[in-house]
């Protein structure tokens, strides 16, 4: 806490300048997801459950793309701090190629195996049928989502945080309008209600809107990087080696975590339709409460990258302690927010009494876990990652998830049939363990790694 208080005003100004637009963008995106959920929830609990579970598979792709983008951001922030524009551009090219390859893989899997995908999450035939409809209409969104997401991360790392924010504001209105039209239909133009398919189509239109604005800006307008579309196919030379050394562990870590989180969804999907619907409601609350945390996490990675790019290790260490304090404080704040909004949020949905009871228990458990999640997320996804400590983070993330959370959560939910509060708590116990580990790792100073330029490889 002394380090937190002692940090100079310029540090907080820098953090606020980066984190607040990112958090606002996340808040808007979460608002879109909440409107989607509320609209589908008025159609029926089965449809709500189907959209929630189908989105679990799409979220795997989302997390993979975040891994690709955040892995690249470690190098982008460092090279930007070094004023090495050539290495920066080549890093972006590698990132975009990986993103397009990942989008193609998910595109083919969704076209060929939609039923098998839904069977991963639930044996309920009604949910599977609606989930297949949602996936079929969402299949093209992988390319637009992947490219706009990774390009947004690059723009943030060079200080371009306003453009993605403005784009998200526009996408909010596009998404809500398109969803309303396609979910419920428009009688005077003889457009029939499409239900879950309409929700997928509305979201696809919003993804296209984001892609056109974000990628159009980066490829044709931005002058800070001056990256152009023809740079995608230019040779990247030996920089592949550094990208693999620093960034690939982030992709692997986030990818395995995505599979782990989907294993959590598999456990939840087998606890009954009421539990699935209750969890779908709380998912929105989790997103709302974590947007500021996400903003600080990305600010932590960027600021740390800048400081180390300038060669100031002590400054990066001191800033790391300040970010640790920020994480704890905002964890407490978000816990309070969840407590305050849980009742009105649950009442906004058309839910059965059983589902409402489950949702209330889950909200209480989330409000406790979020304190630890905020603390470790700002460190693992921010400061430690920005320091280049990606291999150790890859191991730590997945050991805590696969050795602790999944076994304990599965036993609590499928064997002991504990109340919803304890099922969720054990499914997220890795957040508590990682919070303790992050403090130990930060104090060791071993998280600061050297990043090589193209000339040094």
Protein backbone atom coordinates (compact mmCIF):
# COMPACT_ATOMS: atom_id res chain seq x y z
CA UNK A 1 0.00 0.00 0.00
CA UNK A 2 2.96 2.33 0.60
CA UNK A 3 4.07 1.79 -3.01
CA UNK A 4 0.51 2.49 -4.16
CA UNK A 5 0.36 5.79 -2.30
CA UNK A 6 3.92 6.80 -3.18
CA UNK A 7 3.48 6.40 -6.97
CA UNK A 8 3.71 9.82 -8.63
CA UNK A 9 0.77 11.59 -10.25
CA UNK A 10 2.13 11.11 -13.78
CA UNK A 11 1.88 7.34 -13.27
CA UNK A 12 -1.79 7.53 -12.34
CA UNK A 13 -2.51 9.91 -15.21
CA UNK A 14 -0.85 7.51 -17.63
CA UNK A 15 -2.79 4.54 -16.23
CA UNK A 16 -6.10 6.43 -16.33
CA UNK A 17 -5.51 7.61 -19.89
CA UNK A 18 -5.09 4.00 -21.04
CA UNK A 19 -7.42 2.09 -18.73
CA UNK A 20 -10.55 4.26 -18.71
CA UNK A 21 -11.24 4.17 -22.48
CA UNK A 22 -10.54 0.41 -22.48
CA UNK A 23 -12.91 -0.05 -19.53
CA UNK A 24 -15.61 2.07 -21.16
CA UNK A 25 -15.28 0.03 -24.34
CA UNK A 26 -15.63 -3.15 -22.30
CA UNK A 27 -18.65 -1.71 -20.51
CA UNK A 28 -20.33 -0.95 -23.82
CA UNK A 29 -19.55 -4.43 -25.16
CA UNK A 30 -20.95 -5.97 -22.00
CA UNK A 31 -24.03 -3.78 -22.36
CA UNK A 32 -24.56 -5.27 -25.81
CA UNK A 33 -24.24 -8.79 -24.39
CA UNK A 34 -26.67 -7.92 -21.60
CA UNK A 35 -29.25 -6.60 -24.07
CA UNK A 36 -28.83 -9.77 -26.15
CA UNK A 37 -29.41 -11.90 -23.06
CA UNK A 38 -32.43 -9.90 -21.90
CA UNK A 39 -34.02 -10.03 -25.36
CA UNK A 40 -33.46 -13.78 -25.70
CA UNK A 41 -34.56 -14.27 -22.07
CA UNK A 42 -37.97 -12.82 -22.93
CA UNK A 43 -38.36 -15.48 -25.64
CA UNK A 44 -37.74 -18.35 -23.20
CA UNK A 45 -35.31 -20.01 -20.78
CA UNK A 46 -34.48 -22.79 -23.27
CA UNK A 47 -33.44 -20.23 -25.90
CA UNK A 48 -31.47 -18.31 -23.27
CA UNK A 49 -29.61 -21.47 -22.26
CA UNK A 50 -28.91 -22.37 -25.90
CA UNK A 51 -27.41 -18.98 -26.74
CA UNK A 52 -25.35 -19.02 -23.53
CA UNK A 53 -23.85 -22.45 -24.27
CA UNK A 54 -23.31 -21.81 -27.99
CA UNK A 55 -21.43 -18.67 -27.04
CA UNK A 56 -19.13 -20.77 -24.87
CA UNK A 57 -17.65 -22.24 -28.05
CA UNK A 58 -17.40 -18.82 -29.69
CA UNK A 59 -15.72 -17.60 -26.51
CA UNK A 60 -12.98 -20.21 -27.04
CA UNK A 61 -12.16 -18.42 -30.29
CA UNK A 62 -12.43 -15.05 -28.54
CA UNK A 63 -9.93 -16.14 -25.87
CA UNK A 64 -7.55 -17.59 -28.49
CA UNK A 65 -7.64 -14.26 -30.33
CA UNK A 66 -7.05 -12.41 -27.05
CA UNK A 67 -4.05 -14.70 -26.53
CA UNK A 68 -2.75 -13.91 -30.02
CA UNK A 69 -3.32 -10.17 -29.55
CA UNK A 70 -2.06 -9.90 -25.97
CA UNK A 71 0.94 -12.07 -26.83
CA UNK A 72 1.77 -9.67 -29.64
CA UNK A 73 1.15 -6.70 -27.34
CA UNK A 74 4.11 -7.69 -25.13
CA UNK A 75 6.37 -7.13 -28.12
CA UNK A 76 4.42 -4.19 -29.58
CA UNK A 77 4.63 -2.16 -26.34
CA UNK A 78 8.33 -2.96 -25.90
CA UNK A 79 9.25 -2.16 -29.53
CA UNK A 80 7.15 1.01 -29.41
CA UNK A 81 9.09 2.06 -26.30
CA UNK A 82 12.34 1.36 -28.21
CA UNK A 83 11.12 3.24 -31.33
CA UNK A 84 11.79 0.09 -33.39
CA UNK A 85 9.03 0.46 -36.01
CA UNK A 86 10.34 -2.29 -38.30
CA UNK A 87 10.12 -4.99 -35.60
CA UNK A 88 6.74 -3.59 -34.52
CA UNK A 89 5.24 -3.94 -38.02
CA UNK A 90 6.54 -7.48 -38.45
CA UNK A 91 5.05 -8.45 -35.10
CA UNK A 92 1.65 -7.22 -36.29
CA UNK A 93 2.00 -9.26 -39.52
CA UNK A 94 2.70 -12.46 -37.57
CA UNK A 95 -0.26 -11.72 -35.31
CA UNK A 96 -2.68 -11.22 -38.21
CA UNK A 97 -1.57 -14.42 -39.96
CA UNK A 98 -2.15 -16.44 -36.80
CA UNK A 99 -5.54 -14.80 -36.34
CA UNK A 100 -6.69 -15.63 -39.87
CA UNK A 101 -5.52 -19.23 -39.47
CA UNK A 102 -7.41 -19.58 -36.18
CA UNK A 103 -10.58 -18.05 -37.69
CA UNK A 104 -10.44 -20.51 -40.59
CA UNK A 105 -10.12 -23.45 -38.20
CA UNK A 106 -13.16 -22.42 -36.14
CA UNK A 107 -15.13 -21.56 -39.29
CA UNK A 108 -14.67 -25.07 -40.69
CA UNK A 109 -15.37 -26.76 -37.32
CA UNK A 110 -18.63 -24.82 -36.87
CA UNK A 111 -19.86 -25.61 -40.38
CA UNK A 112 -19.07 -29.33 -40.18
CA UNK A 113 -19.79 -30.13 -36.52
CA UNK A 114 -22.43 -27.81 -35.00
CA UNK A 115 -24.34 -30.64 -33.27
CA UNK A 116 -21.17 -32.18 -31.89
CA UNK A 117 -20.16 -28.77 -30.53
CA UNK A 118 -23.45 -28.39 -28.64
CA UNK A 119 -23.23 -31.95 -27.32
CA UNK A 120 -20.02 -30.94 -25.56
CA UNK A 121 -22.03 -28.65 -23.30
CA UNK A 122 -25.40 -30.29 -22.83
CA UNK A 123 -27.40 -33.48 -23.51
CA UNK A 124 -30.70 -31.51 -23.61
CA UNK A 125 -32.12 -31.91 -27.14
CA UNK A 126 -34.18 -28.69 -27.10
CA UNK A 127 -31.15 -26.63 -26.12
CA UNK A 128 -29.01 -28.36 -28.77
CA UNK A 129 -31.50 -27.54 -31.55
CA UNK A 130 -31.60 -23.83 -30.73
CA UNK A 131 -27.83 -23.78 -30.22
CA UNK A 132 -27.24 -25.18 -33.71
CA UNK A 133 -29.37 -22.38 -35.19
CA UNK A 134 -27.28 -19.79 -33.35
CA UNK A 135 -23.98 -21.31 -34.47
CA UNK A 136 -25.08 -21.58 -38.11
CA UNK A 137 -25.85 -17.87 -38.28
CA UNK A 138 -22.68 -16.91 -36.36
CA UNK A 139 -20.19 -18.82 -38.48
CA UNK A 140 -18.89 -15.86 -40.51
CA UNK A 141 -18.32 -13.73 -37.41
CA UNK A 142 -15.01 -15.45 -36.57
CA UNK A 143 -13.08 -13.51 -39.22
CA UNK A 144 -14.59 -10.11 -38.37
CA UNK A 145 -14.32 -10.62 -34.60
CA UNK A 146 -10.74 -11.93 -34.75
CA UNK A 147 -9.31 -9.18 -36.93
CA UNK A 148 -11.07 -6.29 -35.19
CA UNK A 149 -10.13 -7.63 -31.74
CA UNK A 150 -6.42 -8.11 -32.45
CA UNK A 151 -6.12 -4.81 -34.32
CA UNK A 152 -7.81 -3.05 -31.40
CA UNK A 153 -5.16 -4.41 -29.03
CA UNK A 154 -2.40 -3.09 -31.31
CA UNK A 155 -3.95 0.38 -31.48
CA UNK A 156 -4.24 0.50 -27.68
CA UNK A 157 -0.56 -0.37 -27.29
CA UNK A 158 0.51 2.69 -29.25
CA UNK A 159 -1.84 5.02 -27.38
CA UNK A 160 -4.76 4.91 -29.83
CA UNK A 161 -7.49 4.14 -27.29
CA UNK A 162 -10.24 6.52 -28.41
CA UNK A 163 -10.91 5.02 -31.85
CA UNK A 164 -11.84 1.56 -30.49
CA UNK A 165 -14.04 3.22 -27.86
CA UNK A 166 -15.98 5.25 -30.43
CA UNK A 167 -16.33 2.16 -32.60
CA UNK A 168 -17.81 0.19 -29.71
CA UNK A 169 -20.34 2.94 -29.06
CA UNK A 170 -21.47 2.70 -32.68
CA UNK A 171 -21.49 -1.11 -32.53
CA UNK A 172 -23.72 -0.96 -29.44
CA UNK A 173 -26.50 0.82 -31.29
CA UNK A 174 -26.04 -1.33 -34.41
CA UNK A 175 -26.21 -4.53 -32.35
CA UNK A 176 -29.20 -3.56 -30.23
CA UNK A 177 -31.15 -2.31 -33.24
CA UNK A 178 -30.35 -5.32 -35.42
CA UNK A 179 -31.06 -7.76 -32.60
CA UNK A 180 -34.43 -6.22 -31.86
CA UNK A 181 -35.43 -6.32 -35.53
CA UNK A 182 -34.33 -9.89 -36.20
CA UNK A 183 -35.23 -11.48 -32.85
CA UNK A 184 -38.79 -10.10 -32.70
CA UNK A 185 -39.43 -9.34 -36.38
CA UNK A 186 -41.03 -6.30 -38.00
CA UNK A 187 -44.67 -6.76 -38.96
CA UNK A 188 -45.06 -3.88 -41.42
CA UNK A 189 -42.27 -5.22 -43.68
CA UNK A 190 -43.40 -8.83 -43.14
CA UNK A 191 -40.16 -9.82 -41.38
CA UNK A 192 -40.98 -12.79 -39.16
CA UNK A 193 -39.37 -13.23 -35.71
CA UNK A 194 -36.16 -15.27 -35.94
CA UNK A 195 -35.46 -15.86 -32.23
CA UNK A 196 -31.97 -17.19 -31.52
CA UNK A 197 -31.04 -17.04 -35.22
CA UNK A 198 -31.96 -13.34 -35.17
CA UNK A 199 -29.70 -12.77 -32.17
CA UNK A 200 -26.79 -14.35 -34.04
CA UNK A 201 -27.49 -12.33 -37.19
CA UNK A 202 -27.70 -9.06 -35.25
CA UNK A 203 -24.38 -9.76 -33.56
CA UNK A 204 -22.78 -10.64 -36.93
CA UNK A 205 -23.84 -7.27 -38.36
CA UNK A 206 -22.26 -5.51 -35.37
CA UNK A 207 -19.03 -7.50 -35.85
CA UNK A 208 -18.87 -6.40 -39.51
CA UNK A 209 -19.35 -2.78 -38.43
CA UNK A 210 -16.45 -3.05 -35.94
CA UNK A 211 -14.21 -4.71 -38.54
CA UNK A 212 -14.78 -2.01 -41.15
CA UNK A 213 -13.99 0.85 -38.73
CA UNK A 214 -11.08 -0.66 -36.73
CA UNK A 215 -9.24 -2.43 -39.54
CA UNK A 216 -9.98 0.37 -41.99
CA UNK A 217 -8.38 2.84 -39.59
CA UNK A 218 -5.28 0.71 -38.93
CA UNK A 219 -4.68 -0.30 -42.57
CA UNK A 220 -5.45 3.01 -44.30
CA UNK A 221 -5.41 5.98 -41.87
CA UNK A 222 -3.19 5.44 -38.79
CA UNK A 223 0.18 7.22 -38.96
CA UNK A 224 1.75 6.21 -35.62
CA UNK A 225 2.60 2.75 -36.92
CA UNK A 226 1.90 3.43 -40.62
CA UNK A 227 0.96 -0.24 -41.05
CA UNK A 228 -0.69 -0.95 -44.40
CA UNK A 229 -2.55 -3.97 -45.70
CA UNK A 230 0.31 -5.02 -48.00
CA UNK A 231 2.54 -5.37 -44.90
CA UNK A 232 0.61 -8.55 -44.04
CA UNK A 233 2.37 -10.50 -46.81
CA UNK A 234 5.84 -8.99 -46.37
CA UNK A 235 8.62 -11.31 -45.05
CA UNK A 236 9.06 -11.17 -41.28
CA UNK A 237 12.54 -12.69 -41.20
CA UNK A 238 13.94 -14.05 -37.94
CA UNK A 239 11.42 -12.15 -35.80
CA UNK A 240 9.32 -15.34 -35.80
CA UNK A 241 11.76 -16.72 -33.22
CA UNK A 242 11.19 -13.91 -30.73
CA UNK A 243 7.45 -14.00 -31.32
CA UNK A 244 7.38 -17.72 -30.57
CA UNK A 245 9.57 -17.29 -27.47
CA UNK A 246 7.55 -14.45 -25.91
CA UNK A 247 4.08 -14.48 -27.46
CA UNK A 248 3.27 -18.12 -28.16
CA UNK A 249 3.25 -19.03 -24.42
CA UNK A 250 0.52 -16.39 -24.00
CA UNK A 251 -1.50 -18.00 -26.81
CA UNK A 252 -0.96 -21.49 -25.39
CA UNK A 253 -1.81 -20.32 -21.87
CA UNK A 254 -4.99 -18.52 -22.93
CA UNK A 255 -5.92 -21.39 -25.24
CA UNK A 256 -5.63 -24.02 -22.52
CA UNK A 257 -7.45 -21.71 -20.15
CA UNK A 258 -10.23 -21.42 -22.76
CA UNK A 259 -10.51 -25.20 -22.83
CA UNK A 260 -10.50 -25.21 -19.04
CA UNK A 261 -13.23 -22.59 -18.87
CA UNK A 262 -15.26 -24.63 -21.33
CA UNK A 263 -14.77 -27.66 -19.11
CA UNK A 264 -16.32 -25.50 -16.39
CA UNK A 265 -19.21 -24.82 -18.80
CA UNK A 266 -19.51 -28.58 -19.40
CA UNK A 267 -19.93 -29.12 -15.66
CA UNK A 268 -22.51 -26.33 -15.48
CA UNK A 269 -24.33 -27.66 -18.55
CA UNK A 270 -24.90 -30.95 -16.75
CA UNK A 271 -26.40 -29.40 -13.62
CA UNK A 272 -29.78 -28.78 -15.24
CA UNK A 273 -31.50 -26.10 -17.33
CA UNK A 274 -32.23 -23.88 -14.30
CA UNK A 275 -28.54 -23.78 -13.31
CA UNK A 276 -27.52 -23.01 -16.91
CA UNK A 277 -30.04 -20.17 -17.15
CA UNK A 278 -29.03 -18.79 -13.74
CA UNK A 279 -25.38 -18.85 -14.76
CA UNK A 280 -26.23 -17.07 -18.03
CA UNK A 281 -27.66 -14.18 -16.00
CA UNK A 282 -24.59 -13.98 -13.74
CA UNK A 283 -22.21 -14.12 -16.71
CA UNK A 284 -23.36 -10.64 -17.69
CA UNK A 285 -22.81 -9.42 -14.11
CA UNK A 286 -19.29 -10.85 -14.14
CA UNK A 287 -18.54 -9.03 -17.37
CA UNK A 288 -19.94 -5.74 -16.07
CA UNK A 289 -17.91 -5.95 -12.88
CA UNK A 290 -14.66 -6.91 -14.57
CA UNK A 291 -14.46 -4.29 -17.34
CA UNK A 292 -12.48 -1.84 -15.20
CA UNK A 293 -10.22 -4.70 -14.08
CA UNK A 294 -9.61 -5.56 -17.73
CA UNK A 295 -8.76 -1.93 -18.45
CA UNK A 296 -6.18 -1.85 -15.67
CA UNK A 297 -4.77 -5.23 -16.77
CA UNK A 298 -4.08 -3.98 -20.28
CA UNK A 299 -2.76 -0.70 -18.89
CA UNK A 300 -0.41 -2.73 -16.69
CA UNK A 301 0.98 -4.61 -19.68
CA UNK A 302 1.38 -1.44 -21.75
CA UNK A 303 2.94 0.73 -19.02
CA UNK A 304 5.31 -2.06 -17.97
CA UNK A 305 6.32 -2.58 -21.60
CA UNK A 306 7.05 1.13 -22.01
CA UNK A 307 9.16 1.29 -18.83
CA UNK A 308 11.20 -1.79 -19.72
CA UNK A 309 11.51 -0.58 -23.31
CA UNK A 310 13.18 2.51 -21.86
CA UNK A 311 15.51 0.22 -19.87
CA UNK A 312 14.25 1.22 -16.39
CA UNK A 313 13.76 -2.04 -14.42
CA UNK A 314 13.41 -0.39 -11.00
CA UNK A 315 10.64 1.85 -12.31
CA UNK A 316 8.81 -1.22 -13.68
CA UNK A 317 9.16 -2.99 -10.30
CA UNK A 318 7.76 -0.01 -8.39
CA UNK A 319 4.90 0.35 -10.83
CA UNK A 320 4.19 -3.36 -10.38
CA UNK A 321 3.58 -2.85 -6.65
CA UNK A 322 1.29 0.09 -7.42
CA UNK A 323 -0.73 -2.05 -9.84
CA UNK A 324 -0.99 -4.78 -7.19
CA UNK A 325 -2.56 -2.27 -4.79
CA UNK A 326 -4.88 -0.98 -7.51
CA UNK A 327 -6.05 -4.53 -8.19
CA UNK A 328 -6.95 -5.16 -4.55
CA UNK A 329 -8.81 -1.84 -4.16
CA UNK A 330 -10.84 -2.28 -7.32
CA UNK A 331 -11.58 -5.87 -6.37
CA UNK A 332 -13.32 -4.58 -3.26
CA UNK A 333 -15.16 -1.93 -5.27
CA UNK A 334 -16.43 -4.41 -7.86
CA UNK A 335 -17.52 -6.80 -5.09
CA UNK A 336 -19.67 -4.00 -3.70
CA UNK A 337 -21.07 -3.22 -7.15
CA UNK A 338 -22.12 -6.84 -7.70
CA UNK A 339 -23.85 -6.90 -4.31
CA UNK A 340 -25.81 -3.76 -5.18
CA UNK A 341 -26.88 -4.73 -8.70
CA UNK A 342 -27.58 -8.45 -8.22
CA UNK A 343 -31.24 -8.15 -7.13
CA UNK A 344 -32.43 -5.70 -9.83
CA UNK A 345 -30.46 -7.55 -12.50
CA UNK A 346 -32.02 -10.93 -11.66
CA UNK A 347 -35.51 -9.39 -11.55
CA UNK A 348 -35.02 -8.00 -15.09
CA UNK A 349 -35.27 -11.55 -16.51
CA UNK A 350 -38.30 -13.77 -16.93
CA UNK A 351 -37.01 -16.60 -14.69
CA UNK A 352 -38.57 -19.35 -12.61
CA UNK A 353 -38.27 -19.21 -8.80
CA UNK A 354 -35.70 -22.03 -8.81
CA UNK A 355 -33.54 -20.21 -11.37
CA UNK A 356 -33.74 -16.95 -9.40
CA UNK A 357 -32.56 -18.72 -6.22
CA UNK A 358 -29.58 -20.23 -8.08
CA UNK A 359 -28.72 -16.85 -9.63
CA UNK A 360 -28.73 -15.15 -6.20
CA UNK A 361 -26.35 -17.76 -4.77
CA UNK A 362 -24.04 -17.42 -7.75
CA UNK A 363 -23.99 -13.62 -7.41
CA UNK A 364 -22.92 -13.92 -3.77
CA UNK A 365 -20.10 -16.31 -4.66
CA UNK A 366 -18.95 -14.08 -7.52
CA UNK A 367 -18.76 -11.04 -5.19
CA UNK A 368 -16.20 -12.88 -3.04
CA UNK A 369 -14.14 -14.39 -5.87
CA UNK A 370 -13.92 -11.08 -7.75
CA UNK A 371 -11.63 -9.55 -5.06
CA UNK A 372 -9.00 -12.21 -5.72
CA UNK A 373 -9.67 -12.23 -9.46
CA UNK A 374 -9.08 -8.48 -9.75
CA UNK A 375 -5.80 -8.71 -7.85
CA UNK A 376 -4.33 -11.57 -9.89
CA UNK A 377 -5.73 -10.51 -13.28
CA UNK A 378 -4.01 -7.12 -13.20
CA UNK A 379 -0.77 -8.95 -12.41
CA UNK A 380 -0.96 -12.03 -14.66
CA UNK A 381 -2.66 -10.37 -17.64
CA UNK A 382 -0.92 -7.07 -17.07
CA UNK A 383 2.33 -6.42 -15.20
CA UNK A 384 3.93 -9.89 -15.24
CA UNK A 385 2.93 -10.47 -18.85
CA UNK A 386 4.24 -7.03 -19.83
CA UNK A 387 7.53 -8.02 -18.19
CA UNK A 388 7.84 -10.95 -20.60
CA UNK A 389 7.28 -13.62 -17.92
CA UNK A 390 5.01 -15.54 -20.30
CA UNK A 391 6.34 -19.09 -19.89
CA UNK A 392 6.02 -19.12 -16.11
CA UNK A 393 2.56 -17.55 -16.36
CA UNK A 394 1.52 -20.27 -18.81
CA UNK A 395 2.46 -22.95 -16.28
CA UNK A 396 0.94 -21.17 -13.27
CA UNK A 397 -2.38 -20.39 -14.96
CA UNK A 398 -2.97 -23.93 -16.05
CA UNK A 399 -1.67 -25.74 -12.97
CA UNK A 400 -4.08 -23.82 -10.74
CA UNK A 401 -6.97 -24.39 -13.15
CA UNK A 402 -6.51 -28.07 -13.98
CA UNK A 403 -5.16 -29.28 -10.63
CA UNK A 404 -7.46 -27.29 -8.31
CA UNK A 405 -10.49 -25.63 -9.90
CA UNK A 406 -11.79 -28.28 -12.28
CA UNK A 407 -11.42 -31.34 -10.00
CA UNK A 408 -12.89 -29.54 -6.96
CA UNK A 409 -15.68 -27.93 -9.00
CA UNK A 410 -16.64 -31.21 -10.67
CA UNK A 411 -16.77 -33.02 -7.33
CA UNK A 412 -18.80 -30.20 -5.73
CA UNK A 413 -21.32 -30.06 -8.59
CA UNK A 414 -21.59 -33.57 -10.02
CA UNK A 415 -20.77 -35.77 -7.01
CA UNK A 416 -21.65 -33.91 -3.81
CA UNK A 417 -24.39 -31.75 -5.39
CA UNK A 418 -23.51 -28.81 -3.14
CA UNK A 419 -25.45 -25.51 -3.26
CA UNK A 420 -24.76 -23.22 -6.23
CA UNK A 421 -22.64 -20.88 -4.05
CA UNK A 422 -20.08 -23.59 -3.29
CA UNK A 423 -20.08 -25.10 -6.78
CA UNK A 424 -19.08 -21.74 -8.26
CA UNK A 425 -16.57 -21.02 -5.47
CA UNK A 426 -14.70 -24.27 -6.08
CA UNK A 427 -14.88 -23.85 -9.86
CA UNK A 428 -13.08 -20.50 -9.39
CA UNK A 429 -10.71 -21.44 -6.53
CA UNK A 430 -7.77 -20.91 -8.91
CA UNK A 431 -8.39 -17.15 -8.68
CA UNK A 432 -7.67 -17.22 -4.94
CA UNK A 433 -4.52 -19.32 -5.36
CA UNK A 434 -3.16 -17.16 -8.19
CA UNK A 435 -3.64 -13.97 -6.15
CA UNK A 436 -1.28 -15.32 -3.49
CA UNK A 437 1.22 -16.61 -6.06
CA UNK A 438 1.32 -13.24 -7.90
CA UNK A 439 2.56 -11.42 -4.79
CA UNK A 440 5.39 -13.93 -4.38
CA UNK A 441 6.35 -13.71 -8.06
CA UNK A 442 6.32 -9.90 -8.09
CA UNK A 443 8.56 -9.66 -5.03
CA UNK A 444 11.11 -12.06 -6.55
CA UNK A 445 11.87 -9.70 -9.47
CA UNK A 446 12.38 -12.74 -11.71
CA UNK A 447 9.40 -11.76 -13.88
CA UNK A 448 11.41 -9.12 -15.79
CA UNK A 449 12.70 -10.72 -19.00
CA UNK A 450 14.79 -9.30 -21.85
CA UNK A 451 13.08 -8.88 -25.24
CA UNK A 452 15.36 -8.95 -28.29
CA UNK A 453 15.00 -6.81 -31.40
CA UNK A 454 15.36 -8.22 -34.91
CA UNK A 455 18.99 -7.09 -35.01
CA UNK A 456 19.82 -8.90 -31.78
CA UNK A 457 18.40 -12.27 -32.81
